[in-house]
């Protein structure tokens, strides 16, 4: 897994095996929960860009306290 944090509101992740995905995404969501709670006006959006590449980010279109998933077009 290769994580990259950008501006404490987004984490980009790349995984080399499918077995790493679940735990890696869970850790990234956990890392943003405190920031989301302090902001209190957004939730967390997990976006799959391509196989093995994801972004976990705070997103104002997601209600506070929720995590949504999306596929990039």
C-alpha atoms as a PDB file:
ATOM      1  CA  UNK A   1       0.000   0.000   0.000  1.00  0.00           C
ATOM      2  CA  UNK A   2       1.232   3.479  -0.857  1.00  0.00           C
ATOM      3  CA  UNK A   3      -0.653   6.295   0.917  1.00  0.00           C
ATOM      4  CA  UNK A   4      -0.283  10.011   0.157  1.00  0.00           C
ATOM      5  CA  UNK A   5      -1.968  12.664   2.321  1.00  0.00           C
ATOM      6  CA  UNK A   6      -2.875  15.979   0.710  1.00  0.00           C
ATOM      7  CA  UNK A   7      -3.882  18.963   2.867  1.00  0.00           C
ATOM      8  CA  UNK A   8      -5.274  16.691   5.631  1.00  0.00           C
ATOM      9  CA  UNK A   9      -8.583  16.429   3.748  1.00  0.00           C
ATOM     10  CA  UNK A  10      -7.684  13.721   1.237  1.00  0.00           C
ATOM     11  CA  UNK A  11      -5.692  10.500   1.225  1.00  0.00           C
ATOM     12  CA  UNK A  12      -4.703   8.825  -2.052  1.00  0.00           C
ATOM     13  CA  UNK A  13      -4.000   5.112  -1.874  1.00  0.00           C
ATOM     14  CA  UNK A  14      -2.464   2.580  -4.238  1.00  0.00           C
ATOM     15  CA  UNK A  15      -2.600  -1.133  -3.454  1.00  0.00           C
ATOM     16  CA  UNK A  16      -0.529  -3.879  -5.043  1.00  0.00           C
ATOM     17  CA  UNK A  17      -2.793  -6.753  -3.907  1.00  0.00           C
ATOM     18  CA  UNK A  18      -6.542  -7.096  -3.410  1.00  0.00           C
ATOM     19  CA  UNK A  19      -5.928  -8.364   0.119  1.00  0.00           C
ATOM     20  CA  UNK A  20      -4.630  -4.936   1.197  1.00  0.00           C
ATOM     21  CA  UNK A  21      -7.643  -2.915   0.045  1.00  0.00           C
ATOM     22  CA  UNK A  22     -10.149  -3.407   2.884  1.00  0.00           C
ATOM     23  CA  UNK A  23      -7.724  -2.743   5.749  1.00  0.00           C
ATOM     24  CA  UNK A  24      -6.047   0.136   3.921  1.00  0.00           C
ATOM     25  CA  UNK A  25      -9.333   1.911   3.185  1.00  0.00           C
ATOM     26  CA  UNK A  26     -10.526   1.347   6.745  1.00  0.00           C
ATOM     27  CA  UNK A  27      -7.360   2.936   8.147  1.00  0.00           C
ATOM     28  CA  UNK A  28      -7.687   5.909   5.781  1.00  0.00           C
ATOM     29  CA  UNK A  29     -11.323   6.501   6.794  1.00  0.00           C
ATOM     30  CA  UNK A  30     -10.330   6.257  10.477  1.00  0.00           C
ATOM     31  CA  UNK A  31      -7.568   8.820   9.877  1.00  0.00           C
ATOM     32  CA  UNK A  32     -10.084  11.361   8.494  1.00  0.00           C
ATOM     33  CA  UNK A  33     -12.842  10.838  11.069  1.00  0.00           C
ATOM     34  CA  UNK A  34     -11.366  13.309  13.588  1.00  0.00           C
ATOM     35  CA  UNK A  35     -10.938  15.968  10.912  1.00  0.00           C
ATOM     36  CA  UNK A  36     -14.527  15.416   9.753  1.00  0.00           C
ATOM     37  CA  UNK A  37     -15.777  15.713  13.347  1.00  0.00           C
ATOM     38  CA  UNK A  38     -13.919  18.997  13.830  1.00  0.00           C
ATOM     39  CA  UNK A  39     -15.334  20.329  10.556  1.00  0.00           C
ATOM     40  CA  UNK A  40     -18.854  18.985  11.287  1.00  0.00           C
ATOM     41  CA  UNK A  41     -20.200  19.939   7.857  1.00  0.00           C
ATOM     42  CA  UNK A  42     -19.032  17.034   5.707  1.00  0.00           C
ATOM     43  CA  UNK A  43     -18.741  13.296   5.498  1.00  0.00           C
ATOM     44  CA  UNK A  44     -16.212  10.999   3.863  1.00  0.00           C
ATOM     45  CA  UNK A  45     -16.197   9.922   0.215  1.00  0.00           C
ATOM     46  CA  UNK A  46     -14.235   6.842  -0.895  1.00  0.00           C
ATOM     47  CA  UNK A  47     -13.633   6.880  -4.657  1.00  0.00           C
ATOM     48  CA  UNK A  48     -12.216   4.026  -6.724  1.00  0.00           C
ATOM     49  CA  UNK A  49     -10.335   5.506  -9.680  1.00  0.00           C
ATOM     50  CA  UNK A  50      -9.088   2.239 -11.162  1.00  0.00           C
ATOM     51  CA  UNK A  51      -8.257  -1.197  -9.776  1.00  0.00           C
ATOM     52  CA  UNK A  52      -5.998  -0.683  -6.777  1.00  0.00           C
ATOM     53  CA  UNK A  53      -6.192   3.130  -6.755  1.00  0.00           C
ATOM     54  CA  UNK A  54      -8.503   4.996  -4.373  1.00  0.00           C
ATOM     55  CA  UNK A  55      -9.069   8.403  -2.819  1.00  0.00           C
ATOM     56  CA  UNK A  56     -10.539   8.841   0.659  1.00  0.00           C
ATOM     57  CA  UNK A  57     -11.574  12.467   1.159  1.00  0.00           C
ATOM     58  CA  UNK A  58     -13.730  14.803   3.186  1.00  0.00           C
ATOM     59  CA  UNK A  59     -16.615  15.858   0.963  1.00  0.00           C
ATOM     60  CA  UNK A  60     -19.370  18.402   1.650  1.00  0.00           C
ATOM     61  CA  UNK A  61     -21.803  16.495  -0.613  1.00  0.00           C
ATOM     62  CA  UNK A  62     -21.715  13.619   1.907  1.00  0.00           C
ATOM     63  CA  UNK A  63     -23.766  14.228   5.075  1.00  0.00           C
ATOM     64  CA  UNK A  64     -21.817  14.585   8.310  1.00  0.00           C
ATOM     65  CA  UNK A  65     -21.322  11.220  10.010  1.00  0.00           C
ATOM     66  CA  UNK A  66     -21.626   9.190   6.810  1.00  0.00           C
ATOM     67  CA  UNK A  67     -19.198   7.509   4.439  1.00  0.00           C
ATOM     68  CA  UNK A  68     -20.178   7.060   0.784  1.00  0.00           C
ATOM     69  CA  UNK A  69     -18.525   5.151  -2.031  1.00  0.00           C
ATOM     70  CA  UNK A  70     -18.131   6.187  -5.669  1.00  0.00           C
ATOM     71  CA  UNK A  71     -16.567   4.961  -8.891  1.00  0.00           C
ATOM     72  CA  UNK A  72     -14.683   7.511 -10.982  1.00  0.00           C
ATOM     73  CA  UNK A  73     -15.951   7.726 -14.543  1.00  0.00           C
END
